[in-house]
Amino acid sequence: METACDIVVRAGSDRVWELVTDIELSIRFSPELQRVTWLGGATGPKLGARFEGHNRSDAVGEWRTESHVVAFEPPKTFAWAVVDPDGRFGDTETDPAKPMATWRFDLTPHEDGVLLRQGVRLGPARSGLSKFIDAMPDKRDAIIAYRLADLRTSMEATLRGIKELAESRGALVTPAKRLGPVPHPSGPVHTDREAGSLLRALRDEENH
């Protein structure tokens, strides 16, 4: 289960790289991520470094995640695997080789600047998504489709925010939820209202 979005940023690769490797940047765009902290003495991104994310929402409550940097190739690729250190979702696996999600940014030279791609692969470990599939196994395909579409919408907003910040050279960017309506990916998603309502609470659960 994976999806990705991309955008062209009219800025130098060094500037875009500086932004995507700033783990606190996501706080600007996420309605749930509260804070992010480097762990184990790390002060910045490098292969094997770890960071902790603290999240909160009215629907889900509070939870934390631990992320491991699994790819770091300046200024091309930055990826991190997210694990569930507290076993909140019924899986005590904390091996970054078996995460509940893996996120990545890829930068490619473009004639107008940089082609920036953000992608995510869900699994193989259990996550919040697993709970809803357990509760409604007959709607598995619809739940997955809805979740991937929701993640694409979130990534599109994040990429627009990064683009605005990179091209403005330091101006404060408006949080994603205030950038205006985000077009939802086209095509029907066959799920019921209950599944949709529950899944909206998952927007950032596999993120940091």
Protein backbone atom coordinates (compact mmCIF):
# COMPACT_ATOMS: atom_id res chain seq x y z
CA MET A 1 0.00 0.00 0.00
CA GLU A 2 1.74 3.13 -1.17
CA THR A 3 1.14 6.46 -2.85
CA ALA A 4 3.07 9.61 -3.80
CA CYS A 5 2.65 13.18 -5.05
CA ASP A 6 5.07 15.66 -6.61
CA ILE A 7 5.43 19.36 -7.33
CA VAL A 8 7.93 21.61 -9.11
CA VAL A 9 9.65 24.07 -6.78
CA ARG A 10 11.30 27.13 -8.30
CA ALA A 11 14.25 27.16 -5.90
CA GLY A 12 17.69 25.65 -5.56
CA SER A 13 18.10 22.07 -4.39
CA ASP A 14 20.02 23.19 -1.29
CA ARG A 15 17.09 25.34 -0.15
CA VAL A 16 14.53 22.58 -0.77
CA TRP A 17 16.76 20.02 0.96
CA GLU A 18 17.09 22.29 3.98
CA LEU A 19 13.31 22.36 4.31
CA VAL A 20 12.47 18.70 3.78
CA THR A 21 15.10 17.56 6.27
CA ASP A 22 13.77 19.90 8.98
CA ILE A 23 11.69 17.46 11.03
CA GLU A 24 9.85 20.32 12.75
CA LEU A 25 8.50 21.59 9.45
CA SER A 26 5.56 19.15 9.56
CA ILE A 27 4.20 20.93 12.63
CA ARG A 28 3.34 23.85 10.32
CA PHE A 29 1.04 21.69 8.22
CA SER A 30 -0.34 19.09 10.62
CA PRO A 31 -3.42 19.71 12.78
CA GLU A 32 -2.30 16.90 15.12
CA LEU A 33 1.49 16.83 15.34
CA GLN A 34 2.46 18.77 18.47
CA ARG A 35 6.22 18.42 18.71
CA VAL A 36 9.16 16.47 17.31
CA THR A 37 12.43 15.72 19.11
CA TRP A 38 15.69 14.12 18.04
CA LEU A 39 16.65 11.09 20.15
CA GLY A 40 19.88 9.42 21.22
CA GLY A 41 21.98 12.56 21.10
CA ALA A 42 21.18 13.28 17.43
CA THR A 43 20.92 16.97 16.54
CA GLY A 44 20.07 16.62 12.87
CA PRO A 45 19.31 14.15 10.11
CA LYS A 46 21.74 11.38 9.25
CA LEU A 47 21.44 7.71 8.41
CA GLY A 48 20.32 5.79 11.50
CA ALA A 49 19.28 8.86 13.49
CA ARG A 50 16.02 8.65 15.44
CA PHE A 51 13.33 11.17 16.30
CA GLU A 52 10.14 11.07 18.34
CA GLY A 53 6.80 12.58 17.39
CA HIS A 54 4.01 13.54 19.81
CA ASN A 55 0.50 13.82 18.40
CA ARG A 56 -2.93 14.74 19.71
CA SER A 57 -6.46 14.76 18.32
CA ASP A 58 -9.93 14.86 19.85
CA ALA A 59 -10.92 11.65 18.07
CA VAL A 60 -7.84 9.53 18.81
CA GLY A 61 -6.35 11.12 21.93
CA GLU A 62 -2.58 11.33 22.38
CA TRP A 63 0.08 9.04 20.98
CA ARG A 64 3.75 9.01 20.14
CA THR A 65 5.80 7.48 17.37
CA GLU A 66 9.48 6.82 16.86
CA SER A 67 11.04 7.36 13.44
CA HIS A 68 14.35 6.03 12.11
CA VAL A 69 16.16 7.71 9.23
CA VAL A 70 16.57 4.88 6.70
CA ALA A 71 17.80 6.85 3.68
CA PHE A 72 19.89 10.01 3.65
CA GLU A 73 21.52 11.07 0.38
CA PRO A 74 21.99 14.86 0.24
CA PRO A 75 20.46 16.56 -1.63
CA LYS A 76 18.44 13.75 -3.20
CA THR A 77 16.65 11.45 -0.76
CA PHE A 78 15.44 11.64 2.83
CA ALA A 79 13.36 8.75 4.21
CA TRP A 80 12.24 7.64 7.65
CA ALA A 81 10.53 4.51 8.96
CA VAL A 82 7.88 5.00 11.64
CA VAL A 83 7.40 2.46 14.44
CA ASP A 84 4.95 2.21 17.34
CA PRO A 85 7.14 2.09 20.48
CA ASP A 86 4.18 1.77 22.86
CA GLY A 87 2.35 -0.98 20.98
CA ARG A 88 -0.72 1.25 20.72
CA PHE A 89 -1.99 -0.59 17.68
CA GLY A 90 -1.34 -4.12 18.94
CA ASP A 91 2.13 -4.63 17.50
CA THR A 92 5.22 -4.27 19.67
CA GLU A 93 7.59 -4.51 16.69
CA THR A 94 10.06 -1.60 16.82
CA ASP A 95 12.43 -2.80 14.10
CA PRO A 96 12.62 -0.03 11.44
CA ALA A 97 12.86 -2.81 8.86
CA LYS A 98 9.25 -3.67 9.79
CA PRO A 99 7.61 -0.26 10.28
CA MET A 100 3.99 0.76 10.30
CA ALA A 101 4.86 3.30 7.60
CA THR A 102 7.84 4.60 5.63
CA TRP A 103 7.87 8.18 4.39
CA ARG A 104 10.30 9.77 1.93
CA PHE A 105 11.16 12.92 0.02
CA ASP A 106 12.98 12.68 -3.31
CA LEU A 107 14.50 15.67 -5.10
CA THR A 108 15.24 15.59 -8.83
CA PRO A 109 16.75 18.44 -10.89
CA HIS A 110 14.17 20.15 -13.09
CA GLU A 111 14.48 22.85 -15.74
CA ASP A 112 12.45 25.17 -13.50
CA GLY A 113 14.17 24.23 -10.25
CA VAL A 114 13.51 21.00 -8.36
CA LEU A 115 10.94 18.27 -8.81
CA LEU A 116 9.98 17.38 -5.24
CA ARG A 117 8.20 14.10 -4.56
CA GLN A 118 6.75 12.93 -1.26
CA GLY A 119 5.73 9.32 -0.88
CA VAL A 120 4.54 6.88 1.75
CA ARG A 121 4.38 3.09 2.01
CA LEU A 122 2.12 1.64 4.70
CA GLY A 123 3.08 -1.50 6.60
CA PRO A 124 4.03 -4.15 7.19
CA ALA A 125 3.49 -3.53 10.93
CA ARG A 126 0.05 -2.75 12.28
CA SER A 127 -1.11 0.86 12.48
CA GLY A 128 -4.32 2.71 13.21
CA LEU A 129 -5.55 1.60 9.80
CA SER A 130 -5.39 -2.02 10.94
CA LYS A 131 -7.94 -1.38 13.69
CA PHE A 132 -10.54 -0.16 11.23
CA ILE A 133 -9.92 -3.06 8.87
CA ASP A 134 -10.32 -5.44 11.82
CA ALA A 135 -13.64 -3.79 12.68
CA MET A 136 -14.93 -3.77 9.09
CA PRO A 137 -13.11 -6.52 7.17
CA ASP A 138 -15.73 -6.53 4.41
CA LYS A 139 -14.78 -2.92 3.64
CA ARG A 140 -11.02 -3.54 3.54
CA ASP A 141 -10.46 -2.35 -0.04
CA ALA A 142 -12.63 0.73 0.45
CA ILE A 143 -10.91 1.64 3.71
CA ILE A 144 -7.47 1.34 2.12
CA ALA A 145 -8.57 3.38 -0.90
CA TYR A 146 -10.00 6.08 1.34
CA ARG A 147 -6.86 6.20 3.48
CA LEU A 148 -4.52 6.47 0.49
CA ALA A 149 -6.67 9.23 -1.02
CA ASP A 150 -6.64 11.08 2.31
CA LEU A 151 -2.86 10.78 2.50
CA ARG A 152 -2.51 12.15 -1.04
CA THR A 153 -4.62 15.15 -0.09
CA SER A 154 -2.42 15.76 2.96
CA MET A 155 0.78 15.38 0.94
CA GLU A 156 -0.46 17.80 -1.72
CA ALA A 157 -0.99 20.41 0.99
CA THR A 158 2.45 19.74 2.48
CA LEU A 159 4.16 20.04 -0.90
CA ARG A 160 2.37 23.32 -1.64
CA GLY A 161 3.50 24.64 1.74
CA ILE A 162 7.12 23.65 1.11
CA LYS A 163 6.99 25.22 -2.34
CA GLU A 164 5.62 28.48 -0.93
CA LEU A 165 8.24 28.59 1.80
CA ALA A 166 11.15 27.71 -0.54
CA GLU A 167 10.16 30.23 -3.15
CA SER A 168 9.56 32.99 -0.63
CA ARG A 169 13.00 32.51 0.97
CA GLY A 170 11.92 32.37 4.59
CA ALA A 171 8.49 33.99 4.77
CA LEU A 172 6.09 32.37 7.19
CA VAL A 173 3.92 29.88 5.34
CA THR A 174 0.22 29.58 6.07
CA PRO A 175 -0.68 26.25 7.69
CA ALA A 176 -2.05 23.75 5.19
CA LYS A 177 -5.55 23.79 6.64
CA ARG A 178 -5.74 27.53 5.80
CA LEU A 179 -4.33 27.38 2.28
CA GLY A 180 -7.80 26.94 0.83
CA PRO A 181 -9.61 23.84 -0.37
CA VAL A 182 -7.44 20.94 -1.47
CA PRO A 183 -8.85 19.04 -4.46
CA HIS A 184 -9.61 15.47 -3.47
CA PRO A 185 -8.20 12.83 -5.85
CA SER A 186 -10.74 12.00 -8.54
CA GLY A 187 -12.63 8.73 -8.66
CA PRO A 188 -15.20 7.17 -6.34
CA VAL A 189 -14.27 5.75 -2.96
CA HIS A 190 -16.80 3.11 -1.98
CA THR A 191 -17.01 3.34 1.80
CA ASP A 192 -19.77 4.24 4.22
CA ARG A 193 -20.05 7.36 6.36
CA GLU A 194 -18.88 5.58 9.47
CA ALA A 195 -15.67 4.35 7.87
CA GLY A 196 -14.97 7.79 6.42
CA SER A 197 -15.51 9.51 9.75
CA LEU A 198 -13.20 7.12 11.56
CA LEU A 199 -10.49 7.32 8.94
CA ARG A 200 -10.34 11.10 9.06
CA ALA A 201 -9.00 10.73 12.59
CA LEU A 202 -6.00 8.83 11.16
CA ARG A 203 -4.56 11.63 9.00
CA ASP A 204 -1.19 11.87 10.72
CA GLU A 205 -1.07 8.71 12.80
CA GLU A 206 1.53 7.01 10.58
CA ASN A 207 3.44 10.19 9.84
CA HIS A 208 5.80 11.10 12.74
